[in-house]
Amino acid sequence: HWSDHIGRRAALVVAVLVSLAGTFVFGSASSLLELCVGRGLQGAG
């Protein structure tokens, strides 16, 4: 529901940034923890 408070465009920008961070973490993962963090960030985005 954050887009109701920060605005739709801002929520989409944050979503893209969080997903990009997740993709970079996932793509450079060298352990199970890093895979999970990357996928978790993608899920959050």
PDB file of all heavy atoms in Angstrom:
ATOM      1  N   HIS A   1       0.804  -1.221   0.000  1.00  0.00           N
ATOM      2  CA  HIS A   1       0.000   0.000   0.000  1.00  0.00           C
ATOM      3  C   HIS A   1       0.844   1.281   0.000  1.00  0.00           C
ATOM      4  O   HIS A   1       0.291   2.375   0.038  1.00  0.00           O
ATOM      5  CB  HIS A   1      -0.911   0.011   1.232  1.00  0.00           C
ATOM      6  CG  HIS A   1      -0.152   0.093   2.521  1.00  0.00           C
ATOM      7  ND1 HIS A   1       0.511  -0.987   3.045  1.00  0.00           N
ATOM      8  CD2 HIS A   1       0.056   1.123   3.357  1.00  0.00           C
ATOM      9  CE1 HIS A   1       1.105  -0.610   4.169  1.00  0.00           C
ATOM     10  NE2 HIS A   1       0.846   0.667   4.383  1.00  0.00           N
ATOM     11  N   TRP A   2       2.158   1.174  -0.028  1.00  0.00           N
ATOM     12  CA  TRP A   2       3.015   2.359   0.041  1.00  0.00           C
ATOM     13  C   TRP A   2       2.750   3.347  -1.084  1.00  0.00           C
ATOM     14  O   TRP A   2       2.967   4.550  -0.922  1.00  0.00           O
ATOM     15  CB  TRP A   2       4.477   1.961   0.032  1.00  0.00           C
ATOM     16  CG  TRP A   2       5.004   1.584   1.379  1.00  0.00           C
ATOM     17  CD1 TRP A   2       4.285   1.360   2.519  1.00  0.00           C
ATOM     18  CD2 TRP A   2       6.362   1.379   1.723  1.00  0.00           C
ATOM     19  NE1 TRP A   2       5.122   1.018   3.547  1.00  0.00           N
ATOM     20  CE2 TRP A   2       6.396   1.020   3.086  1.00  0.00           C
ATOM     21  CE3 TRP A   2       7.552   1.442   1.013  1.00  0.00           C
ATOM     22  CZ2 TRP A   2       7.584   0.745   3.746  1.00  0.00           C
ATOM     23  CZ3 TRP A   2       8.729   1.160   1.677  1.00  0.00           C
ATOM     24  CH2 TRP A   2       8.739   0.831   3.035  1.00  0.00           C
ATOM     25  N   SER A   3       2.308   2.850  -2.232  1.00  0.00           N
ATOM     26  CA  SER A   3       2.085   3.784  -3.342  1.00  0.00           C
ATOM     27  C   SER A   3       0.980   4.779  -3.008  1.00  0.00           C
ATOM     28  O   SER A   3       0.947   5.867  -3.583  1.00  0.00           O
ATOM     29  CB  SER A   3       1.744   3.026  -4.621  1.00  0.00           C
ATOM     30  OG  SER A   3       0.488   2.396  -4.518  1.00  0.00           O
ATOM     31  N   ASP A   4       0.107   4.436  -2.061  1.00  0.00           N
ATOM     32  CA  ASP A   4      -0.910   5.392  -1.618  1.00  0.00           C
ATOM     33  C   ASP A   4      -0.288   6.549  -0.852  1.00  0.00           C
ATOM     34  O   ASP A   4      -0.842   7.638  -0.801  1.00  0.00           O
ATOM     35  CB  ASP A   4      -1.943   4.709  -0.715  1.00  0.00           C
ATOM     36  CG  ASP A   4      -2.767   3.676  -1.457  1.00  0.00           C
ATOM     37  OD1 ASP A   4      -2.909   3.800  -2.692  1.00  0.00           O
ATOM     38  OD2 ASP A   4      -3.265   2.748  -0.800  1.00  0.00           O
ATOM     39  N   HIS A   5       0.878   6.320  -0.260  1.00  0.00           N
ATOM     40  CA  HIS A   5       1.531   7.336   0.570  1.00  0.00           C
ATOM     41  C   HIS A   5       2.645   8.081  -0.166  1.00  0.00           C
ATOM     42  O   HIS A   5       2.789   9.285   0.013  1.00  0.00           O
ATOM     43  CB  HIS A   5       2.098   6.695   1.838  1.00  0.00           C
ATOM     44  CG  HIS A   5       1.066   5.985   2.646  1.00  0.00           C
ATOM     45  ND1 HIS A   5       0.089   6.642   3.365  1.00  0.00           N
ATOM     46  CD2 HIS A   5       0.825   4.662   2.815  1.00  0.00           C
ATOM     47  CE1 HIS A   5      -0.694   5.762   3.964  1.00  0.00           C
ATOM     48  NE2 HIS A   5      -0.269   4.555   3.636  1.00  0.00           N
ATOM     49  N   ILE A   6       3.425   7.359  -0.960  1.00  0.00           N
ATOM     50  CA  ILE A   6       4.562   8.014  -1.628  1.00  0.00           C
ATOM     51  C   ILE A   6       4.280   8.326  -3.091  1.00  0.00           C
ATOM     52  O   ILE A   6       5.089   8.988  -3.736  1.00  0.00           O
ATOM     53  CB  ILE A   6       5.860   7.184  -1.505  1.00  0.00           C
ATOM     54  CG1 ILE A   6       5.751   5.865  -2.259  1.00  0.00           C
ATOM     55  CG2 ILE A   6       6.237   6.970  -0.059  1.00  0.00           C
ATOM     56  CD1 ILE A   6       7.058   5.100  -2.350  1.00  0.00           C
ATOM     57  N   GLY A   7       3.181   7.845  -3.627  1.00  0.00           N
ATOM     58  CA  GLY A   7       2.834   8.100  -5.021  1.00  0.00           C
ATOM     59  C   GLY A   7       3.151   6.908  -5.902  1.00  0.00           C
ATOM     60  O   GLY A   7       4.053   6.125  -5.604  1.00  0.00           O
ATOM     61  N   ARG A   8       2.387   6.769  -6.964  1.00  0.00           N
ATOM     62  CA  ARG A   8       2.549   5.611  -7.860  1.00  0.00           C
ATOM     63  C   ARG A   8       3.901   5.621  -8.562  1.00  0.00           C
ATOM     64  O   ARG A   8       4.588   4.613  -8.630  1.00  0.00           O
ATOM     65  CB  ARG A   8       1.441   5.585  -8.921  1.00  0.00           C
ATOM     66  CG  ARG A   8       0.051   5.707  -8.397  1.00  0.00           C
ATOM     67  CD  ARG A   8      -0.465   4.444  -7.735  1.00  0.00           C
ATOM     68  NE  ARG A   8      -1.853   4.657  -7.333  1.00  0.00           N
ATOM     69  CZ  ARG A   8      -2.234   4.876  -6.080  1.00  0.00           C
ATOM     70  NH1 ARG A   8      -1.352   4.917  -5.119  1.00  0.00           N
ATOM     71  NH2 ARG A   8      -3.501   5.057  -5.795  1.00  0.00           N
ATOM     72  N   ARG A   9       4.281   6.788  -9.087  1.00  0.00           N
ATOM     73  CA  ARG A   9       5.561   6.864  -9.806  1.00  0.00           C
ATOM     74  C   ARG A   9       6.734   6.582  -8.887  1.00  0.00           C
ATOM     75  O   ARG A   9       7.662   5.851  -9.247  1.00  0.00           O
ATOM     76  CB  ARG A   9       5.728   8.237 -10.460  1.00  0.00           C
ATOM     77  CG  ARG A   9       4.834   8.417 -11.673  1.00  0.00           C
ATOM     78  CD  ARG A   9       5.041   9.762 -12.281  1.00  0.00           C
ATOM     79  NE  ARG A   9       4.319  10.740 -11.470  1.00  0.00           N
ATOM     80  CZ  ARG A   9       4.211  12.009 -11.741  1.00  0.00           C
ATOM     81  NH1 ARG A   9       4.823  12.509 -12.792  1.00  0.00           N
ATOM     82  NH2 ARG A   9       3.521  12.810 -10.964  1.00  0.00           N
ATOM     83  N   ALA A  10       6.703   7.143  -7.694  1.00  0.00           N
ATOM     84  CA  ALA A  10       7.799   6.907  -6.751  1.00  0.00           C
ATOM     85  C   ALA A  10       7.869   5.434  -6.371  1.00  0.00           C
ATOM     86  O   ALA A  10       8.963   4.855  -6.276  1.00  0.00           O
ATOM     87  CB  ALA A  10       7.612   7.764  -5.504  1.00  0.00           C
ATOM     88  N   ALA A  11       6.719   4.799  -6.168  1.00  0.00           N
ATOM     89  CA  ALA A  11       6.708   3.376  -5.820  1.00  0.00           C
ATOM     90  C   ALA A  11       7.276   2.541  -6.963  1.00  0.00           C
ATOM     91  O   ALA A  11       8.024   1.583  -6.728  1.00  0.00           O
ATOM     92  CB  ALA A  11       5.295   2.924  -5.470  1.00  0.00           C
ATOM     93  N   LEU A  12       6.946   2.913  -8.196  1.00  0.00           N
ATOM     94  CA  LEU A  12       7.483   2.167  -9.340  1.00  0.00           C
ATOM     95  C   LEU A  12       8.992   2.374  -9.489  1.00  0.00           C
ATOM     96  O   LEU A  12       9.716   1.435  -9.817  1.00  0.00           O
ATOM     97  CB  LEU A  12       6.753   2.554 -10.620  1.00  0.00           C
ATOM     98  CG  LEU A  12       5.318   2.046 -10.728  1.00  0.00           C
ATOM     99  CD1 LEU A  12       4.650   2.595 -11.985  1.00  0.00           C
ATOM    100  CD2 LEU A  12       5.255   0.538 -10.709  1.00  0.00           C
ATOM    101  N   VAL A  13       9.461   3.589  -9.225  1.00  0.00           N
ATOM    102  CA  VAL A  13      10.910   3.840  -9.286  1.00  0.00           C
ATOM    103  C   VAL A  13      11.633   3.020  -8.222  1.00  0.00           C
ATOM    104  O   VAL A  13      12.645   2.370  -8.500  1.00  0.00           O
ATOM    105  CB  VAL A  13      11.212   5.349  -9.128  1.00  0.00           C
ATOM    106  CG1 VAL A  13      12.690   5.589  -8.898  1.00  0.00           C
ATOM    107  CG2 VAL A  13      10.731   6.116 -10.349  1.00  0.00           C
ATOM    108  N   VAL A  14      11.110   3.027  -7.001  1.00  0.00           N
ATOM    109  CA  VAL A  14      11.715   2.235  -5.920  1.00  0.00           C
ATOM    110  C   VAL A  14      11.665   0.753  -6.279  1.00  0.00           C
ATOM    111  O   VAL A  14      12.640   0.016  -6.066  1.00  0.00           O
ATOM    112  CB  VAL A  14      11.020   2.511  -4.570  1.00  0.00           C
ATOM    113  CG1 VAL A  14      11.505   1.553  -3.491  1.00  0.00           C
ATOM    114  CG2 VAL A  14      11.259   3.951  -4.141  1.00  0.00           C
ATOM    115  N   ALA A  15      10.559   0.291  -6.851  1.00  0.00           N
ATOM    116  CA  ALA A  15      10.421  -1.109  -7.240  1.00  0.00           C
ATOM    117  C   ALA A  15      11.481  -1.511  -8.256  1.00  0.00           C
ATOM    118  O   ALA A  15      12.107  -2.570  -8.137  1.00  0.00           O
ATOM    119  CB  ALA A  15       9.025  -1.369  -7.796  1.00  0.00           C
ATOM    120  N   VAL A  16      11.707  -0.658  -9.242  1.00  0.00           N
ATOM    121  CA  VAL A  16      12.717  -0.957 -10.262  1.00  0.00           C
ATOM    122  C   VAL A  16      14.105  -0.987  -9.636  1.00  0.00           C
ATOM    123  O   VAL A  16      14.909  -1.885  -9.919  1.00  0.00           O
ATOM    124  CB  VAL A  16      12.641   0.066 -11.422  1.00  0.00           C
ATOM    125  CG1 VAL A  16      13.846  -0.042 -12.334  1.00  0.00           C
ATOM    126  CG2 VAL A  16      11.353  -0.129 -12.208  1.00  0.00           C
ATOM    127  N   LEU A  17      14.417  -0.028  -8.771  1.00  0.00           N
ATOM    128  CA  LEU A  17      15.742   0.015  -8.137  1.00  0.00           C
ATOM    129  C   LEU A  17      15.975  -1.208  -7.249  1.00  0.00           C
ATOM    130  O   LEU A  17      17.060  -1.805  -7.274  1.00  0.00           O
ATOM    131  CB  LEU A  17      15.912   1.305  -7.344  1.00  0.00           C
ATOM    132  CG  LEU A  17      15.943   2.589  -8.167  1.00  0.00           C
ATOM    133  CD1 LEU A  17      15.991   3.813  -7.247  1.00  0.00           C
ATOM    134  CD2 LEU A  17      17.124   2.584  -9.115  1.00  0.00           C
ATOM    135  N   VAL A  18      14.971  -1.587  -6.467  1.00  0.00           N
ATOM    136  CA  VAL A  18      15.106  -2.759  -5.594  1.00  0.00           C
ATOM    137  C   VAL A  18      15.260  -4.023  -6.433  1.00  0.00           C
ATOM    138  O   VAL A  18      16.090  -4.892  -6.129  1.00  0.00           O
ATOM    139  CB  VAL A  18      13.900  -2.860  -4.629  1.00  0.00           C
ATOM    140  CG1 VAL A  18      13.875  -4.188  -3.900  1.00  0.00           C
ATOM    141  CG2 VAL A  18      13.929  -1.711  -3.633  1.00  0.00           C
ATOM    142  N   SER A  19      14.491  -4.137  -7.506  1.00  0.00           N
ATOM    143  CA  SER A  19      14.598  -5.311  -8.377  1.00  0.00           C
ATOM    144  C   SER A  19      15.958  -5.374  -9.065  1.00  0.00           C
ATOM    145  O   SER A  19      16.532  -6.456  -9.206  1.00  0.00           O
ATOM    146  CB  SER A  19      13.488  -5.305  -9.418  1.00  0.00           C
ATOM    147  OG  SER A  19      12.256  -5.545  -8.814  1.00  0.00           O
ATOM    148  N   LEU A  20      16.467  -4.223  -9.500  1.00  0.00           N
ATOM    149  CA  LEU A  20      17.802  -4.203 -10.103  1.00  0.00           C
ATOM    150  C   LEU A  20      18.869  -4.637  -9.103  1.00  0.00           C
ATOM    151  O   LEU A  20      19.778  -5.401  -9.440  1.00  0.00           O
ATOM    152  CB  LEU A  20      18.127  -2.811 -10.641  1.00  0.00           C
ATOM    153  CG  LEU A  20      17.548  -2.449 -11.991  1.00  0.00           C
ATOM    154  CD1 LEU A  20      17.818  -0.986 -12.322  1.00  0.00           C
ATOM    155  CD2 LEU A  20      18.106  -3.347 -13.068  1.00  0.00           C
ATOM    156  N   ALA A  21      18.759  -4.144  -7.879  1.00  0.00           N
ATOM    157  CA  ALA A  21      19.710  -4.562  -6.847  1.00  0.00           C
ATOM    158  C   ALA A  21      19.621  -6.073  -6.625  1.00  0.00           C
ATOM    159  O   ALA A  21      20.652  -6.758  -6.523  1.00  0.00           O
ATOM    160  CB  ALA A  21      19.428  -3.820  -5.541  1.00  0.00           C
ATOM    161  N   GLY A  22      18.407  -6.600  -6.587  1.00  0.00           N
ATOM    162  CA  GLY A  22      18.225  -8.037  -6.431  1.00  0.00           C
ATOM    163  C   GLY A  22      18.817  -8.828  -7.587  1.00  0.00           C
ATOM    164  O   GLY A  22      19.427  -9.879  -7.389  1.00  0.00           O
ATOM    165  N   THR A  23      18.661  -8.309  -8.794  1.00  0.00           N
ATOM    166  CA  THR A  23      19.216  -8.985  -9.963  1.00  0.00           C
ATOM    167  C   THR A  23      20.737  -9.008  -9.909  1.00  0.00           C
ATOM    168  O   THR A  23      21.363 -10.031 -10.218  1.00  0.00           O
ATOM    169  CB  THR A  23      18.732  -8.295 -11.249  1.00  0.00           C
ATOM    170  OG1 THR A  23      17.304  -8.370 -11.282  1.00  0.00           O
ATOM    171  CG2 THR A  23      19.311  -8.944 -12.484  1.00  0.00           C
ATOM    172  N   PHE A  24      21.352  -7.898  -9.497  1.00  0.00           N
ATOM    173  CA  PHE A  24      22.811  -7.863  -9.386  1.00  0.00           C
ATOM    174  C   PHE A  24      23.312  -8.800  -8.284  1.00  0.00           C
ATOM    175  O   PHE A  24      24.312  -9.492  -8.471  1.00  0.00           O
ATOM    176  CB  PHE A  24      23.312  -6.430  -9.154  1.00  0.00           C
ATOM    177  CG  PHE A  24      23.224  -5.575 -10.384  1.00  0.00           C
ATOM    178  CD1 PHE A  24      22.529  -4.377 -10.350  1.00  0.00           C
ATOM    179  CD2 PHE A  24      23.818  -5.951 -11.571  1.00  0.00           C
ATOM    180  CE1 PHE A  24      22.427  -3.579 -11.481  1.00  0.00           C
ATOM    181  CE2 PHE A  24      23.728  -5.164 -12.713  1.00  0.00           C
ATOM    182  CZ  PHE A  24      23.031  -3.969 -12.672  1.00  0.00           C
ATOM    183  N   VAL A  25      22.626  -8.825  -7.154  1.00  0.00           N
ATOM    184  CA  VAL A  25      23.031  -9.728  -6.072  1.00  0.00           C
ATOM    185  C   VAL A  25      22.871 -11.179  -6.521  1.00  0.00           C
ATOM    186  O   VAL A  25      23.752 -12.011  -6.311  1.00  0.00           O
ATOM    187  CB  VAL A  25      22.227  -9.458  -4.779  1.00  0.00           C
ATOM    188  CG1 VAL A  25      22.468 -10.523  -3.733  1.00  0.00           C
ATOM    189  CG2 VAL A  25      22.566  -8.088  -4.224  1.00  0.00           C
ATOM    190  N   PHE A  26      21.750 -11.491  -7.144  1.00  0.00           N
ATOM    191  CA  PHE A  26      21.506 -12.848  -7.617  1.00  0.00           C
ATOM    192  C   PHE A  26      22.526 -13.255  -8.679  1.00  0.00           C
ATOM    193  O   PHE A  26      23.057 -14.354  -8.653  1.00  0.00           O
ATOM    194  CB  PHE A  26      20.089 -12.956  -8.187  1.00  0.00           C
ATOM    195  CG  PHE A  26      19.749 -14.321  -8.702  1.00  0.00           C
ATOM    196  CD1 PHE A  26      19.341 -15.314  -7.831  1.00  0.00           C
ATOM    197  CD2 PHE A  26      19.824 -14.610 -10.055  1.00  0.00           C
ATOM    198  CE1 PHE A  26      19.023 -16.581  -8.302  1.00  0.00           C
ATOM    199  CE2 PHE A  26      19.510 -15.863 -10.532  1.00  0.00           C
ATOM    200  CZ  PHE A  26      19.107 -16.856  -9.657  1.00  0.00           C
ATOM    201  N   GLY A  27      22.801 -12.343  -9.607  1.00  0.00           N
ATOM    202  CA  GLY A  27      23.738 -12.649 -10.688  1.00  0.00           C
ATOM    203  C   GLY A  27      25.166 -12.853 -10.230  1.00  0.00           C
ATOM    204  O   GLY A  27      25.925 -13.577 -10.873  1.00  0.00           O
ATOM    205  N   SER A  28      25.541 -12.252  -9.115  1.00  0.00           N
ATOM    206  CA  SER A  28      26.917 -12.396  -8.625  1.00  0.00           C
ATOM    207  C   SER A  28      27.001 -13.297  -7.391  1.00  0.00           C
ATOM    208  O   SER A  28      28.037 -13.326  -6.732  1.00  0.00           O
ATOM    209  CB  SER A  28      27.492 -11.014  -8.294  1.00  0.00           C
ATOM    210  OG  SER A  28      26.742 -10.419  -7.244  1.00  0.00           O
ATOM    211  N   ALA A  29      25.939 -14.021  -7.118  1.00  0.00           N
ATOM    212  CA  ALA A  29      25.889 -14.841  -5.903  1.00  0.00           C
ATOM    213  C   ALA A  29      26.914 -15.970  -5.947  1.00  0.00           C
ATOM    214  O   ALA A  29      27.117 -16.611  -6.974  1.00  0.00           O
ATOM    215  CB  ALA A  29      24.493 -15.426  -5.733  1.00  0.00           C
ATOM    216  N   SER A  30      27.538 -16.173  -4.801  1.00  0.00           N
ATOM    217  CA  SER A  30      28.492 -17.280  -4.664  1.00  0.00           C
ATOM    218  C   SER A  30      28.128 -18.189  -3.494  1.00  0.00           C
ATOM    219  O   SER A  30      28.909 -19.057  -3.133  1.00  0.00           O
ATOM    220  CB  SER A  30      29.910 -16.728  -4.497  1.00  0.00           C
ATOM    221  OG  SER A  30      29.977 -15.921  -3.337  1.00  0.00           O
ATOM    222  N   SER A  31      26.970 -17.963  -2.915  1.00  0.00           N
ATOM    223  CA  SER A  31      26.509 -18.810  -1.814  1.00  0.00           C
ATOM    224  C   SER A  31      24.982 -18.837  -1.804  1.00  0.00           C
ATOM    225  O   SER A  31      24.327 -18.022  -2.462  1.00  0.00           O
ATOM    226  CB  SER A  31      27.024 -18.280  -0.469  1.00  0.00           C
ATOM    227  OG  SER A  31      26.390 -17.054  -0.154  1.00  0.00           O
ATOM    228  N   LEU A  32      24.442 -19.755  -1.035  1.00  0.00           N
ATOM    229  CA  LEU A  32      22.994 -19.863  -0.910  1.00  0.00           C
ATOM    230  C   LEU A  32      22.401 -18.598  -0.302  1.00  0.00           C
ATOM    231  O   LEU A  32      21.345 -18.124  -0.742  1.00  0.00           O
ATOM    232  CB  LEU A  32      22.631 -21.092  -0.065  1.00  0.00           C
ATOM    233  CG  LEU A  32      21.146 -21.299   0.220  1.00  0.00           C
ATOM    234  CD1 LEU A  32      20.363 -21.467  -1.074  1.00  0.00           C
ATOM    235  CD2 LEU A  32      20.945 -22.482   1.139  1.00  0.00           C
ATOM    236  N   LEU A  33      23.079 -18.030   0.687  1.00  0.00           N
ATOM    237  CA  LEU A  33      22.578 -16.808   1.317  1.00  0.00           C
ATOM    238  C   LEU A  33      22.455 -15.675   0.306  1.00  0.00           C
ATOM    239  O   LEU A  33      21.453 -14.965   0.274  1.00  0.00           O
ATOM    240  CB  LEU A  33      23.478 -16.398   2.483  1.00  0.00           C
ATOM    241  CG  LEU A  33      23.086 -15.102   3.193  1.00  0.00           C
ATOM    242  CD1 LEU A  33      21.714 -15.266   3.844  1.00  0.00           C
ATOM    243  CD2 LEU A  33      24.124 -14.717   4.213  1.00  0.00           C
ATOM    244  N   GLU A  34      23.456 -15.501  -0.536  1.00  0.00           N
ATOM    245  CA  GLU A  34      23.414 -14.449  -1.544  1.00  0.00           C
ATOM    246  C   GLU A  34      22.307 -14.704  -2.571  1.00  0.00           C
ATOM    247  O   GLU A  34      21.646 -13.769  -3.017  1.00  0.00           O
ATOM    248  CB  GLU A  34      24.762 -14.315  -2.237  1.00  0.00           C
ATOM    249  CG  GLU A  34      25.842 -13.754  -1.328  1.00  0.00           C
ATOM    250  CD  GLU A  34      27.219 -13.775  -1.954  1.00  0.00           C
ATOM    251  OE1 GLU A  34      27.370 -14.263  -3.108  1.00  0.00           O
ATOM    252  OE2 GLU A  34      28.161 -13.327  -1.297  1.00  0.00           O
ATOM    253  N   LEU A  35      22.093 -15.967  -2.931  1.00  0.00           N
ATOM    254  CA  LEU A  35      20.983 -16.294  -3.831  1.00  0.00           C
ATOM    255  C   LEU A  35      19.652 -15.895  -3.201  1.00  0.00           C
ATOM    256  O   LEU A  35      18.799 -15.294  -3.852  1.00  0.00           O
ATOM    257  CB  LEU A  35      20.954 -17.795  -4.140  1.00  0.00           C
ATOM    258  CG  LEU A  35      21.940 -18.335  -5.151  1.00  0.00           C
ATOM    259  CD1 LEU A  35      21.788 -19.854  -5.268  1.00  0.00           C
ATOM    260  CD2 LEU A  35      21.747 -17.696  -6.495  1.00  0.00           C
ATOM    261  N   CYS A  36      19.497 -16.231  -1.932  1.00  0.00           N
ATOM    262  CA  CYS A  36      18.245 -15.922  -1.231  1.00  0.00           C
ATOM    263  C   CYS A  36      18.044 -14.418  -1.077  1.00  0.00           C
ATOM    264  O   CYS A  36      16.921 -13.924  -1.245  1.00  0.00           O
ATOM    265  CB  CYS A  36      18.214 -16.602   0.140  1.00  0.00           C
ATOM    266  SG  CYS A  36      18.080 -18.388   0.029  1.00  0.00           S
ATOM    267  N   VAL A  37      19.098 -13.683  -0.791  1.00  0.00           N
ATOM    268  CA  VAL A  37      18.990 -12.228  -0.663  1.00  0.00           C
ATOM    269  C   VAL A  37      18.617 -11.608  -2.008  1.00  0.00           C
ATOM    270  O   VAL A  37      17.731 -10.755  -2.092  1.00  0.00           O
ATOM    271  CB  VAL A  37      20.299 -11.613  -0.112  1.00  0.00           C
ATOM    272  CG1 VAL A  37      20.305 -10.105  -0.241  1.00  0.00           C
ATOM    273  CG2 VAL A  37      20.503 -12.020   1.333  1.00  0.00           C
ATOM    274  N   GLY A  38      19.261 -12.058  -3.077  1.00  0.00           N
ATOM    275  CA  GLY A  38      18.948 -11.553  -4.408  1.00  0.00           C
ATOM    276  C   GLY A  38      17.506 -11.829  -4.803  1.00  0.00           C
ATOM    277  O   GLY A  38      16.799 -10.945  -5.279  1.00  0.00           O
ATOM    278  N   ARG A  39      17.066 -13.051  -4.594  1.00  0.00           N
ATOM    279  CA  ARG A  39      15.686 -13.401  -4.922  1.00  0.00           C
ATOM    280  C   ARG A  39      14.709 -12.658  -4.003  1.00  0.00           C
ATOM    281  O   ARG A  39      13.631 -12.264  -4.434  1.00  0.00           O
ATOM    282  CB  ARG A  39      15.474 -14.908  -4.813  1.00  0.00           C
ATOM    283  CG  ARG A  39      16.214 -15.693  -5.866  1.00  0.00           C
ATOM    284  CD  ARG A  39      15.787 -15.356  -7.269  1.00  0.00           C
ATOM    285  NE  ARG A  39      14.502 -15.994  -7.537  1.00  0.00           N
ATOM    286  CZ  ARG A  39      13.687 -15.661  -8.495  1.00  0.00           C
ATOM    287  NH1 ARG A  39      13.979 -14.680  -9.317  1.00  0.00           N
ATOM    288  NH2 ARG A  39      12.540 -16.268  -8.668  1.00  0.00           N
ATOM    289  N   GLY A  40      15.083 -12.458  -2.744  1.00  0.00           N
ATOM    290  CA  GLY A  40      14.229 -11.716  -1.827  1.00  0.00           C
ATOM    291  C   GLY A  40      14.059 -10.269  -2.256  1.00  0.00           C
ATOM    292  O   GLY A  40      12.956  -9.714  -2.196  1.00  0.00           O
ATOM    293  N   LEU A  41      15.132  -9.656  -2.721  1.00  0.00           N
ATOM    294  CA  LEU A  41      15.039  -8.276  -3.221  1.00  0.00           C
ATOM    295  C   LEU A  41      14.182  -8.205  -4.478  1.00  0.00           C
ATOM    296  O   LEU A  41      13.396  -7.265  -4.651  1.00  0.00           O
ATOM    297  CB  LEU A  41      16.437  -7.716  -3.496  1.00  0.00           C
ATOM    298  CG  LEU A  41      17.267  -7.356  -2.262  1.00  0.00           C
ATOM    299  CD1 LEU A  41      18.703  -7.030  -2.662  1.00  0.00           C
ATOM    300  CD2 LEU A  41      16.641  -6.195  -1.525  1.00  0.00           C
ATOM    301  N   GLN A  42      14.309  -9.200  -5.342  1.00  0.00           N
ATOM    302  CA  GLN A  42      13.460  -9.229  -6.524  1.00  0.00           C
ATOM    303  C   GLN A  42      11.991  -9.355  -6.127  1.00  0.00           C
ATOM    304  O   GLN A  42      11.125  -8.698  -6.700  1.00  0.00           O
ATOM    305  CB  GLN A  42      13.854 -10.374  -7.453  1.00  0.00           C
ATOM    306  CG  GLN A  42      15.149 -10.128  -8.182  1.00  0.00           C
ATOM    307  CD  GLN A  42      15.570 -11.312  -9.031  1.00  0.00           C
ATOM    308  OE1 GLN A  42      15.288 -12.460  -8.708  1.00  0.00           O
ATOM    309  NE2 GLN A  42      16.250 -11.026 -10.128  1.00  0.00           N
ATOM    310  N   GLY A  43      11.713 -10.196  -5.140  1.00  0.00           N
ATOM    311  CA  GLY A  43      10.342 -10.343  -4.654  1.00  0.00           C
ATOM    312  C   GLY A  43       9.809  -9.045  -4.066  1.00  0.00           C
ATOM    313  O   GLY A  43       8.649  -8.675  -4.281  1.00  0.00           O
ATOM    314  N   ALA A  44      10.658  -8.330  -3.329  1.00  0.00           N
ATOM    315  CA  ALA A  44      10.244  -7.045  -2.754  1.00  0.00           C
ATOM    316  C   ALA A  44       9.934  -6.028  -3.851  1.00  0.00           C
ATOM    317  O   ALA A  44       8.953  -5.286  -3.764  1.00  0.00           O
ATOM    318  CB  ALA A  44      11.338  -6.513  -1.827  1.00  0.00           C
ATOM    319  N   GLY A  45      10.763  -5.989  -4.884  1.00  0.00           N
ATOM    320  CA  GLY A  45      10.522  -5.072  -5.993  1.00  0.00           C
ATOM    321  C   GLY A  45       9.227  -5.378  -6.727  1.00  0.00           C
ATOM    322  O   GLY A  45       8.452  -4.480  -7.048  1.00  0.00           O
TER     323      GLY A  45
END
